[in-house]
């Protein structure tokens, strides 16, 4: 019985630190370590930065880990970069964890970083350079969020004083278009950029987030399973949810409904293990109530 599980008998009063918090802490810790090494070393370019940052030279030496680790070092002369990364993790991570779970969220973040690094490496293979920063990971989270919740409207202040309201899909498409044009102009053509800018990496992150969403929608592979892969739980507005549910109830057999409910319960139980019972949404709690008599 579902009620026989120890963690289902009573709400847990202790909740472990989530992967979201650990990720943000690791990014900040990496930045602090970078500042520390720069302070204690007289010569520029501290060893920590050279070992974990991404470059064509590091890949030629088969230091493939730099495709991922470059996200934990940033431009110390531009504090806005680390601020944007941490803010993106806080805002987007808090929303995505509710629908994806910790594992899928971390895989999406890491995949976006690696894909952004690959796009940048192909663009800069001949010209050289060094890539540092987790902006590609934030771009991947933003792209996934844009396709997960396309109907909401984002409101922010452009340049801190111009109010802007835009749907996330339009924002992502605009950012992708700007990244392609900027990559051709600044990275391929070789024009002088006004500031440290890696548009090819940003485009790679956006592409990874979009592709990850498409794969999760189709339910391809174990690692791509998330709440978005279940059409009945897509967050496309109340009317969209009702339409999907109404079309499925006539075509799904009781056996398939039972199998689907069992898979959904397993996912919810994994979420309870990682983030606690209080993190469940109303729909997830209703699923558990429906599954009380489901035998394991």
C-alpha atoms as a PDB file:
ATOM      1  CA  UNK A   1       0.000   0.000   0.000  1.00  0.00           C
ATOM      2  CA  UNK A   2       1.086   3.540  -0.640  1.00  0.00           C
ATOM      3  CA  UNK A   3       0.484   4.400   3.006  1.00  0.00           C
ATOM      4  CA  UNK A   4       3.032   1.762   4.071  1.00  0.00           C
ATOM      5  CA  UNK A   5       5.880   3.950   2.868  1.00  0.00           C
ATOM      6  CA  UNK A   6       7.585   5.509   5.878  1.00  0.00           C
ATOM      7  CA  UNK A   7       7.778   8.987   4.475  1.00  0.00           C
ATOM      8  CA  UNK A   8       4.034   8.984   3.672  1.00  0.00           C
ATOM      9  CA  UNK A   9       2.886   8.443   7.251  1.00  0.00           C
ATOM     10  CA  UNK A  10       3.349  12.024   8.406  1.00  0.00           C
ATOM     11  CA  UNK A  11       4.649  15.264   6.935  1.00  0.00           C
ATOM     12  CA  UNK A  12       8.367  15.661   7.349  1.00  0.00           C
ATOM     13  CA  UNK A  13       9.361  18.615   9.459  1.00  0.00           C
ATOM     14  CA  UNK A  14      12.979  18.547   8.250  1.00  0.00           C
ATOM     15  CA  UNK A  15      13.834  19.409   4.682  1.00  0.00           C
ATOM     16  CA  UNK A  16      17.272  18.964   3.217  1.00  0.00           C
ATOM     17  CA  UNK A  17      19.007  21.640   1.250  1.00  0.00           C
ATOM     18  CA  UNK A  18      17.742  21.460  -2.330  1.00  0.00           C
ATOM     19  CA  UNK A  19      19.932  21.007  -5.379  1.00  0.00           C
ATOM     20  CA  UNK A  20      18.879  24.508  -6.390  1.00  0.00           C
ATOM     21  CA  UNK A  21      20.481  26.030  -3.297  1.00  0.00           C
ATOM     22  CA  UNK A  22      23.605  23.905  -3.680  1.00  0.00           C
ATOM     23  CA  UNK A  23      23.985  25.013  -7.290  1.00  0.00           C
ATOM     24  CA  UNK A  24      23.698  28.705  -6.434  1.00  0.00           C
ATOM     25  CA  UNK A  25      26.121  28.256  -3.532  1.00  0.00           C
ATOM     26  CA  UNK A  26      28.656  26.504  -5.761  1.00  0.00           C
ATOM     27  CA  UNK A  27      28.532  29.308  -8.346  1.00  0.00           C
ATOM     28  CA  UNK A  28      29.103  31.951  -5.674  1.00  0.00           C
ATOM     29  CA  UNK A  29      31.844  29.847  -4.054  1.00  0.00           C
ATOM     30  CA  UNK A  30      33.616  29.497  -7.398  1.00  0.00           C
ATOM     31  CA  UNK A  31      33.563  33.258  -7.868  1.00  0.00           C
ATOM     32  CA  UNK A  32      34.908  33.865  -4.354  1.00  0.00           C
ATOM     33  CA  UNK A  33      37.720  31.345  -4.894  1.00  0.00           C
ATOM     34  CA  UNK A  34      38.567  33.038  -8.161  1.00  0.00           C
ATOM     35  CA  UNK A  35      38.880  36.400  -6.417  1.00  0.00           C
ATOM     36  CA  UNK A  36      40.995  34.807  -3.707  1.00  0.00           C
ATOM     37  CA  UNK A  37      43.457  33.268  -6.166  1.00  0.00           C
ATOM     38  CA  UNK A  38      43.737  36.548  -8.032  1.00  0.00           C
ATOM     39  CA  UNK A  39      44.494  38.313  -4.772  1.00  0.00           C
ATOM     40  CA  UNK A  40      47.238  35.966  -3.585  1.00  0.00           C
ATOM     41  CA  UNK A  41      48.957  35.581  -6.953  1.00  0.00           C
ATOM     42  CA  UNK A  42      51.009  38.437  -8.317  1.00  0.00           C
ATOM     43  CA  UNK A  43      50.912  37.383 -11.946  1.00  0.00           C
ATOM     44  CA  UNK A  44      47.709  37.699 -13.994  1.00  0.00           C
ATOM     45  CA  UNK A  45      45.713  34.720 -15.078  1.00  0.00           C
ATOM     46  CA  UNK A  46      45.569  32.559 -11.948  1.00  0.00           C
ATOM     47  CA  UNK A  47      46.008  28.801 -12.320  1.00  0.00           C
ATOM     48  CA  UNK A  48      42.433  28.166 -11.152  1.00  0.00           C
ATOM     49  CA  UNK A  49      41.058  30.183 -14.043  1.00  0.00           C
ATOM     50  CA  UNK A  50      43.379  28.589 -16.608  1.00  0.00           C
ATOM     51  CA  UNK A  51      42.540  25.063 -15.482  1.00  0.00           C
ATOM     52  CA  UNK A  52      38.751  25.348 -15.528  1.00  0.00           C
ATOM     53  CA  UNK A  53      38.049  27.979 -18.209  1.00  0.00           C
ATOM     54  CA  UNK A  54      37.246  26.820 -21.744  1.00  0.00           C
ATOM     55  CA  UNK A  55      39.557  27.481 -24.685  1.00  0.00           C
ATOM     56  CA  UNK A  56      40.628  25.850 -27.898  1.00  0.00           C
ATOM     57  CA  UNK A  57      43.963  25.082 -26.249  1.00  0.00           C
ATOM     58  CA  UNK A  58      42.299  23.219 -23.357  1.00  0.00           C
ATOM     59  CA  UNK A  59      40.308  21.071 -25.783  1.00  0.00           C
ATOM     60  CA  UNK A  60      43.399  20.294 -27.851  1.00  0.00           C
ATOM     61  CA  UNK A  61      44.959  19.020 -24.626  1.00  0.00           C
ATOM     62  CA  UNK A  62      41.839  16.870 -24.108  1.00  0.00           C
ATOM     63  CA  UNK A  63      40.775  18.758 -20.981  1.00  0.00           C
ATOM     64  CA  UNK A  64      37.192  18.079 -21.901  1.00  0.00           C
ATOM     65  CA  UNK A  65      35.927  18.876 -18.414  1.00  0.00           C
ATOM     66  CA  UNK A  66      36.379  22.565 -19.238  1.00  0.00           C
ATOM     67  CA  UNK A  67      33.227  22.316 -21.386  1.00  0.00           C
ATOM     68  CA  UNK A  68      31.372  22.200 -18.055  1.00  0.00           C
ATOM     69  CA  UNK A  69      33.691  23.743 -15.463  1.00  0.00           C
ATOM     70  CA  UNK A  70      34.004  27.063 -17.292  1.00  0.00           C
ATOM     71  CA  UNK A  71      30.593  27.907 -15.801  1.00  0.00           C
ATOM     72  CA  UNK A  72      32.156  28.231 -12.340  1.00  0.00           C
ATOM     73  CA  UNK A  73      34.567  31.045 -13.224  1.00  0.00           C
ATOM     74  CA  UNK A  74      33.503  34.505 -14.358  1.00  0.00           C
ATOM     75  CA  UNK A  75      34.873  37.823 -15.488  1.00  0.00           C
ATOM     76  CA  UNK A  76      35.984  39.448 -12.238  1.00  0.00           C
ATOM     77  CA  UNK A  77      36.152  42.836 -13.948  1.00  0.00           C
ATOM     78  CA  UNK A  78      32.439  42.691 -14.757  1.00  0.00           C
ATOM     79  CA  UNK A  79      30.444  41.970 -11.603  1.00  0.00           C
ATOM     80  CA  UNK A  80      27.206  42.266 -13.603  1.00  0.00           C
ATOM     81  CA  UNK A  81      27.895  38.834 -15.125  1.00  0.00           C
ATOM     82  CA  UNK A  82      27.857  36.929 -11.828  1.00  0.00           C
ATOM     83  CA  UNK A  83      24.873  38.976 -10.629  1.00  0.00           C
ATOM     84  CA  UNK A  84      22.861  38.025 -13.725  1.00  0.00           C
ATOM     85  CA  UNK A  85      23.788  34.352 -13.367  1.00  0.00           C
ATOM     86  CA  UNK A  86      22.778  34.167  -9.699  1.00  0.00           C
ATOM     87  CA  UNK A  87      19.579  36.145 -10.336  1.00  0.00           C
ATOM     88  CA  UNK A  88      18.690  33.852 -13.236  1.00  0.00           C
ATOM     89  CA  UNK A  89      19.228  30.756 -11.101  1.00  0.00           C
ATOM     90  CA  UNK A  90      17.069  32.176  -8.327  1.00  0.00           C
ATOM     91  CA  UNK A  91      14.174  33.306 -10.532  1.00  0.00           C
ATOM     92  CA  UNK A  92      14.099  30.534 -13.141  1.00  0.00           C
ATOM     93  CA  UNK A  93      15.243  27.746 -10.865  1.00  0.00           C
ATOM     94  CA  UNK A  94      12.502  28.372  -8.345  1.00  0.00           C
ATOM     95  CA  UNK A  95       9.863  28.060 -11.069  1.00  0.00           C
ATOM     96  CA  UNK A  96      11.321  25.119 -12.987  1.00  0.00           C
ATOM     97  CA  UNK A  97      12.005  22.907  -9.983  1.00  0.00           C
ATOM     98  CA  UNK A  98       8.272  22.759  -9.291  1.00  0.00           C
ATOM     99  CA  UNK A  99       7.611  21.077 -12.634  1.00  0.00           C
ATOM    100  CA  UNK A 100      10.906  19.311 -13.415  1.00  0.00           C
ATOM    101  CA  UNK A 101      12.405  18.013 -10.189  1.00  0.00           C
ATOM    102  CA  UNK A 102      16.019  18.389  -9.105  1.00  0.00           C
ATOM    103  CA  UNK A 103      17.600  15.815 -11.393  1.00  0.00           C
ATOM    104  CA  UNK A 104      16.000  17.044 -14.609  1.00  0.00           C
ATOM    105  CA  UNK A 105      16.769  20.646 -13.624  1.00  0.00           C
ATOM    106  CA  UNK A 106      20.477  19.931 -13.082  1.00  0.00           C
ATOM    107  CA  UNK A 107      20.707  17.929 -16.311  1.00  0.00           C
ATOM    108  CA  UNK A 108      19.110  20.782 -18.258  1.00  0.00           C
ATOM    109  CA  UNK A 109      21.500  23.307 -16.703  1.00  0.00           C
ATOM    110  CA  UNK A 110      24.596  21.184 -17.377  1.00  0.00           C
ATOM    111  CA  UNK A 111      23.481  20.307 -20.908  1.00  0.00           C
ATOM    112  CA  UNK A 112      22.945  23.974 -21.753  1.00  0.00           C
ATOM    113  CA  UNK A 113      26.412  24.878 -20.466  1.00  0.00           C
ATOM    114  CA  UNK A 114      28.123  22.100 -22.432  1.00  0.00           C
ATOM    115  CA  UNK A 115      26.165  22.902 -25.604  1.00  0.00           C
ATOM    116  CA  UNK A 116      26.999  26.585 -25.272  1.00  0.00           C
ATOM    117  CA  UNK A 117      30.651  25.648 -24.832  1.00  0.00           C
ATOM    118  CA  UNK A 118      30.571  23.468 -27.956  1.00  0.00           C
ATOM    119  CA  UNK A 119      28.981  26.218 -30.054  1.00  0.00           C
ATOM    120  CA  UNK A 120      31.572  28.697 -28.798  1.00  0.00           C
ATOM    121  CA  UNK A 121      34.454  26.277 -29.421  1.00  0.00           C
ATOM    122  CA  UNK A 122      33.439  25.682 -33.025  1.00  0.00           C
ATOM    123  CA  UNK A 123      33.174  29.432 -33.610  1.00  0.00           C
ATOM    124  CA  UNK A 124      36.519  30.225 -31.943  1.00  0.00           C
ATOM    125  CA  UNK A 125      38.537  27.158 -32.934  1.00  0.00           C
ATOM    126  CA  UNK A 126      40.810  29.172 -35.213  1.00  0.00           C
ATOM    127  CA  UNK A 127      40.633  32.604 -33.610  1.00  0.00           C
ATOM    128  CA  UNK A 128      41.252  31.435 -30.020  1.00  0.00           C
ATOM    129  CA  UNK A 129      40.066  33.103 -26.847  1.00  0.00           C
ATOM    130  CA  UNK A 130      38.785  31.982 -23.460  1.00  0.00           C
ATOM    131  CA  UNK A 131      35.207  31.375 -22.364  1.00  0.00           C
ATOM    132  CA  UNK A 132      34.099  31.742 -18.742  1.00  0.00           C
ATOM    133  CA  UNK A 133      30.685  32.146 -17.155  1.00  0.00           C
ATOM    134  CA  UNK A 134      27.390  30.280 -16.770  1.00  0.00           C
ATOM    135  CA  UNK A 135      25.308  32.512 -19.042  1.00  0.00           C
ATOM    136  CA  UNK A 136      24.639  29.615 -21.441  1.00  0.00           C
ATOM    137  CA  UNK A 137      23.090  27.659 -18.580  1.00  0.00           C
ATOM    138  CA  UNK A 138      20.759  30.545 -17.766  1.00  0.00           C
ATOM    139  CA  UNK A 139      19.831  30.820 -21.451  1.00  0.00           C
ATOM    140  CA  UNK A 140      18.942  27.130 -21.477  1.00  0.00           C
ATOM    141  CA  UNK A 141      16.721  27.515 -18.428  1.00  0.00           C
ATOM    142  CA  UNK A 142      15.047  30.541 -20.002  1.00  0.00           C
ATOM    143  CA  UNK A 143      14.341  28.713 -23.264  1.00  0.00           C
ATOM    144  CA  UNK A 144      12.845  25.724 -21.434  1.00  0.00           C
ATOM    145  CA  UNK A 145      10.744  28.049 -19.283  1.00  0.00           C
ATOM    146  CA  UNK A 146       9.523  29.921 -22.383  1.00  0.00           C
ATOM    147  CA  UNK A 147       8.140  26.760 -23.975  1.00  0.00           C
ATOM    148  CA  UNK A 148       6.866  25.343 -20.697  1.00  0.00           C
ATOM    149  CA  UNK A 149       4.817  28.445 -19.851  1.00  0.00           C
ATOM    150  CA  UNK A 150       4.232  30.275 -23.136  1.00  0.00           C
ATOM    151  CA  UNK A 151       1.084  32.117 -22.050  1.00  0.00           C
ATOM    152  CA  UNK A 152       2.489  34.142 -19.163  1.00  0.00           C
ATOM    153  CA  UNK A 153       3.780  37.682 -19.584  1.00  0.00           C
ATOM    154  CA  UNK A 154       7.157  38.833 -18.304  1.00  0.00           C
ATOM    155  CA  UNK A 155       7.430  42.380 -17.016  1.00  0.00           C
ATOM    156  CA  UNK A 156      10.755  44.094 -16.328  1.00  0.00           C
ATOM    157  CA  UNK A 157      12.553  47.420 -16.616  1.00  0.00           C
ATOM    158  CA  UNK A 158      14.834  47.681 -19.646  1.00  0.00           C
ATOM    159  CA  UNK A 159      17.960  49.657 -18.729  1.00  0.00           C
ATOM    160  CA  UNK A 160      16.352  50.012 -15.270  1.00  0.00           C
ATOM    161  CA  UNK A 161      13.774  52.625 -16.355  1.00  0.00           C
ATOM    162  CA  UNK A 162      11.919  51.466 -19.519  1.00  0.00           C
ATOM    163  CA  UNK A 163       8.946  49.200 -18.613  1.00  0.00           C
ATOM    164  CA  UNK A 164       8.668  46.197 -20.919  1.00  0.00           C
ATOM    165  CA  UNK A 165       6.019  43.458 -21.080  1.00  0.00           C
ATOM    166  CA  UNK A 166       6.784  40.482 -23.333  1.00  0.00           C
ATOM    167  CA  UNK A 167       5.917  36.815 -23.615  1.00  0.00           C
ATOM    168  CA  UNK A 168       8.850  34.484 -22.891  1.00  0.00           C
ATOM    169  CA  UNK A 169       8.762  32.829 -26.323  1.00  0.00           C
ATOM    170  CA  UNK A 170       9.122  36.184 -28.049  1.00  0.00           C
ATOM    171  CA  UNK A 171      11.954  37.087 -25.677  1.00  0.00           C
ATOM    172  CA  UNK A 172      13.835  33.859 -26.434  1.00  0.00           C
ATOM    173  CA  UNK A 173      13.359  34.198 -30.196  1.00  0.00           C
ATOM    174  CA  UNK A 174      14.598  37.794 -29.994  1.00  0.00           C
ATOM    175  CA  UNK A 175      17.644  36.809 -27.933  1.00  0.00           C
ATOM    176  CA  UNK A 176      18.433  33.950 -30.324  1.00  0.00           C
ATOM    177  CA  UNK A 177      18.221  36.264 -33.339  1.00  0.00           C
ATOM    178  CA  UNK A 178      20.460  38.843 -31.668  1.00  0.00           C
ATOM    179  CA  UNK A 179      22.954  36.112 -30.729  1.00  0.00           C
ATOM    180  CA  UNK A 180      23.189  34.835 -34.306  1.00  0.00           C
ATOM    181  CA  UNK A 181      23.694  38.317 -35.754  1.00  0.00           C
ATOM    182  CA  UNK A 182      26.183  39.288 -33.041  1.00  0.00           C
ATOM    183  CA  UNK A 183      28.118  36.045 -33.474  1.00  0.00           C
ATOM    184  CA  UNK A 184      28.484  36.638 -37.191  1.00  0.00           C
ATOM    185  CA  UNK A 185      29.494  40.267 -36.714  1.00  0.00           C
ATOM    186  CA  UNK A 186      31.736  40.095 -33.636  1.00  0.00           C
ATOM    187  CA  UNK A 187      33.035  36.511 -33.553  1.00  0.00           C
ATOM    188  CA  UNK A 188      33.214  35.407 -37.187  1.00  0.00           C
ATOM    189  CA  UNK A 189      33.743  38.732 -38.945  1.00  0.00           C
ATOM    190  CA  UNK A 190      36.023  39.941 -36.142  1.00  0.00           C
ATOM    191  CA  UNK A 191      34.572  43.362 -35.303  1.00  0.00           C
ATOM    192  CA  UNK A 192      35.520  44.818 -31.933  1.00  0.00           C
ATOM    193  CA  UNK A 193      32.834  44.093 -29.340  1.00  0.00           C
ATOM    194  CA  UNK A 194      31.939  46.874 -26.858  1.00  0.00           C
ATOM    195  CA  UNK A 195      32.328  44.420 -23.940  1.00  0.00           C
ATOM    196  CA  UNK A 196      33.172  40.780 -23.244  1.00  0.00           C
ATOM    197  CA  UNK A 197      30.460  38.972 -25.152  1.00  0.00           C
ATOM    198  CA  UNK A 198      30.041  35.346 -26.278  1.00  0.00           C
ATOM    199  CA  UNK A 199      26.865  35.285 -28.415  1.00  0.00           C
ATOM    200  CA  UNK A 200      27.611  31.843 -29.865  1.00  0.00           C
ATOM    201  CA  UNK A 201      27.597  30.403 -26.346  1.00  0.00           C
ATOM    202  CA  UNK A 202      24.308  32.125 -25.562  1.00  0.00           C
ATOM    203  CA  UNK A 203      22.718  30.752 -28.726  1.00  0.00           C
ATOM    204  CA  UNK A 204      23.968  27.268 -27.861  1.00  0.00           C
ATOM    205  CA  UNK A 205      22.343  27.504 -24.441  1.00  0.00           C
ATOM    206  CA  UNK A 206      19.031  28.678 -25.918  1.00  0.00           C
ATOM    207  CA  UNK A 207      19.133  25.859 -28.460  1.00  0.00           C
ATOM    208  CA  UNK A 208      19.825  23.276 -25.744  1.00  0.00           C
ATOM    209  CA  UNK A 209      16.900  24.498 -23.624  1.00  0.00           C
ATOM    210  CA  UNK A 210      14.525  24.353 -26.588  1.00  0.00           C
ATOM    211  CA  UNK A 211      15.758  20.903 -27.655  1.00  0.00           C
ATOM    212  CA  UNK A 212      15.526  19.552 -24.111  1.00  0.00           C
ATOM    213  CA  UNK A 213      11.916  20.685 -23.908  1.00  0.00           C
ATOM    214  CA  UNK A 214      11.059  19.048 -27.230  1.00  0.00           C
ATOM    215  CA  UNK A 215      12.648  15.777 -26.137  1.00  0.00           C
ATOM    216  CA  UNK A 216      10.900  15.859 -22.758  1.00  0.00           C
ATOM    217  CA  UNK A 217       7.579  16.485 -24.505  1.00  0.00           C
ATOM    218  CA  UNK A 218       8.076  13.299 -26.466  1.00  0.00           C
ATOM    219  CA  UNK A 219       9.196  11.367 -23.395  1.00  0.00           C
ATOM    220  CA  UNK A 220      12.486  10.362 -25.061  1.00  0.00           C
ATOM    221  CA  UNK A 221      14.763   8.585 -22.635  1.00  0.00           C
ATOM    222  CA  UNK A 222      14.773   8.226 -18.868  1.00  0.00           C
ATOM    223  CA  UNK A 223      16.800  11.375 -18.211  1.00  0.00           C
ATOM    224  CA  UNK A 224      14.346  13.568 -20.122  1.00  0.00           C
ATOM    225  CA  UNK A 225      11.296  12.556 -18.093  1.00  0.00           C
ATOM    226  CA  UNK A 226       9.697  15.477 -16.299  1.00  0.00           C
ATOM    227  CA  UNK A 227       6.250  16.821 -15.617  1.00  0.00           C
ATOM    228  CA  UNK A 228       6.299  18.500 -19.020  1.00  0.00           C
ATOM    229  CA  UNK A 229       6.414  15.066 -20.692  1.00  0.00           C
ATOM    230  CA  UNK A 230       2.862  14.392 -19.465  1.00  0.00           C
ATOM    231  CA  UNK A 231       0.451  16.208 -21.798  1.00  0.00           C
ATOM    232  CA  UNK A 232      -2.293  16.164 -19.157  1.00  0.00           C
ATOM    233  CA  UNK A 233      -0.106  18.301 -16.855  1.00  0.00           C
ATOM    234  CA  UNK A 234       1.113  20.883 -19.338  1.00  0.00           C
ATOM    235  CA  UNK A 235       0.905  24.407 -17.908  1.00  0.00           C
ATOM    236  CA  UNK A 236      -0.816  26.045 -20.857  1.00  0.00           C
ATOM    237  CA  UNK A 237      -3.723  27.643 -19.035  1.00  0.00           C
ATOM    238  CA  UNK A 238      -6.908  26.198 -17.557  1.00  0.00           C
ATOM    239  CA  UNK A 239      -8.649  25.793 -20.890  1.00  0.00           C
ATOM    240  CA  UNK A 240      -5.684  24.008 -22.462  1.00  0.00           C
ATOM    241  CA  UNK A 241      -5.501  21.532 -19.582  1.00  0.00           C
ATOM    242  CA  UNK A 242      -9.194  20.763 -19.798  1.00  0.00           C
ATOM    243  CA  UNK A 243      -8.989  20.139 -23.540  1.00  0.00           C
ATOM    244  CA  UNK A 244      -6.097  17.710 -23.193  1.00  0.00           C
ATOM    245  CA  UNK A 245      -7.760  15.815 -20.376  1.00  0.00           C
ATOM    246  CA  UNK A 246     -11.056  15.581 -22.205  1.00  0.00           C
ATOM    247  CA  UNK A 247      -9.443  14.099 -25.328  1.00  0.00           C
ATOM    248  CA  UNK A 248      -7.461  11.530 -23.371  1.00  0.00           C
ATOM    249  CA  UNK A 249     -10.240  10.132 -21.173  1.00  0.00           C
ATOM    250  CA  UNK A 250     -12.035   8.639 -24.188  1.00  0.00           C
ATOM    251  CA  UNK A 251      -8.963   6.972 -25.697  1.00  0.00           C
ATOM    252  CA  UNK A 252      -6.971   5.704 -22.697  1.00  0.00           C
ATOM    253  CA  UNK A 253      -7.884   2.263 -21.370  1.00  0.00           C
ATOM    254  CA  UNK A 254      -8.216   1.596 -17.605  1.00  0.00           C
ATOM    255  CA  UNK A 255      -4.967  -0.406 -17.692  1.00  0.00           C
ATOM    256  CA  UNK A 256      -3.061   2.459 -19.282  1.00  0.00           C
ATOM    257  CA  UNK A 257      -4.651   4.884 -16.826  1.00  0.00           C
ATOM    258  CA  UNK A 258      -3.460   2.683 -13.961  1.00  0.00           C
ATOM    259  CA  UNK A 259       0.061   2.481 -15.421  1.00  0.00           C
ATOM    260  CA  UNK A 260       0.139   6.227 -15.928  1.00  0.00           C
ATOM    261  CA  UNK A 261      -1.044   6.833 -12.365  1.00  0.00           C
ATOM    262  CA  UNK A 262       1.620   4.478 -11.016  1.00  0.00           C
ATOM    263  CA  UNK A 263       4.362   6.311 -12.948  1.00  0.00           C
ATOM    264  CA  UNK A 264       3.042   9.656 -11.756  1.00  0.00           C
ATOM    265  CA  UNK A 265       2.993   8.474  -8.131  1.00  0.00           C
ATOM    266  CA  UNK A 266       6.595   7.276  -8.436  1.00  0.00           C
ATOM    267  CA  UNK A 267       7.624  10.692  -9.721  1.00  0.00           C
ATOM    268  CA  UNK A 268       5.795  12.453  -6.882  1.00  0.00           C
ATOM    269  CA  UNK A 269       7.406  10.170  -4.300  1.00  0.00           C
ATOM    270  CA  UNK A 270      10.835  10.956  -5.733  1.00  0.00           C
ATOM    271  CA  UNK A 271       9.995  14.628  -5.380  1.00  0.00           C
ATOM    272  CA  UNK A 272       8.997  14.114  -1.744  1.00  0.00           C
ATOM    273  CA  UNK A 273      12.316  12.422  -1.082  1.00  0.00           C
ATOM    274  CA  UNK A 274      14.293  15.282  -2.587  1.00  0.00           C
ATOM    275  CA  UNK A 275      12.302  18.397  -1.631  1.00  0.00           C
ATOM    276  CA  UNK A 276       9.827  17.325   1.075  1.00  0.00           C
ATOM    277  CA  UNK A 277       6.078  16.813   1.251  1.00  0.00           C
ATOM    278  CA  UNK A 278       5.334  20.528   1.529  1.00  0.00           C
ATOM    279  CA  UNK A 279       6.743  21.128  -1.963  1.00  0.00           C
ATOM    280  CA  UNK A 280       3.864  19.253  -3.652  1.00  0.00           C
ATOM    281  CA  UNK A 281       1.361  21.177  -5.711  1.00  0.00           C
ATOM    282  CA  UNK A 282      -2.392  20.792  -5.345  1.00  0.00           C
ATOM    283  CA  UNK A 283      -2.570  18.552  -8.434  1.00  0.00           C
ATOM    284  CA  UNK A 284       0.170  16.287  -7.083  1.00  0.00           C
ATOM    285  CA  UNK A 285      -1.586  15.931  -3.730  1.00  0.00           C
ATOM    286  CA  UNK A 286      -4.790  14.981  -5.557  1.00  0.00           C
ATOM    287  CA  UNK A 287      -2.847  12.337  -7.479  1.00  0.00           C
ATOM    288  CA  UNK A 288      -1.640  10.841  -4.206  1.00  0.00           C
ATOM    289  CA  UNK A 289      -5.205  10.783  -2.866  1.00  0.00           C
ATOM    290  CA  UNK A 290      -6.315   8.901  -6.011  1.00  0.00           C
ATOM    291  CA  UNK A 291      -3.506   6.386  -5.540  1.00  0.00           C
ATOM    292  CA  UNK A 292      -4.091   5.467  -1.894  1.00  0.00           C
ATOM    293  CA  UNK A 293      -5.384   2.038  -2.874  1.00  0.00           C
ATOM    294  CA  UNK A 294      -2.711   1.449  -5.517  1.00  0.00           C
ATOM    295  CA  UNK A 295      -0.595  -1.594  -4.583  1.00  0.00           C
ATOM    296  CA  UNK A 296       3.176  -1.295  -5.033  1.00  0.00           C
END
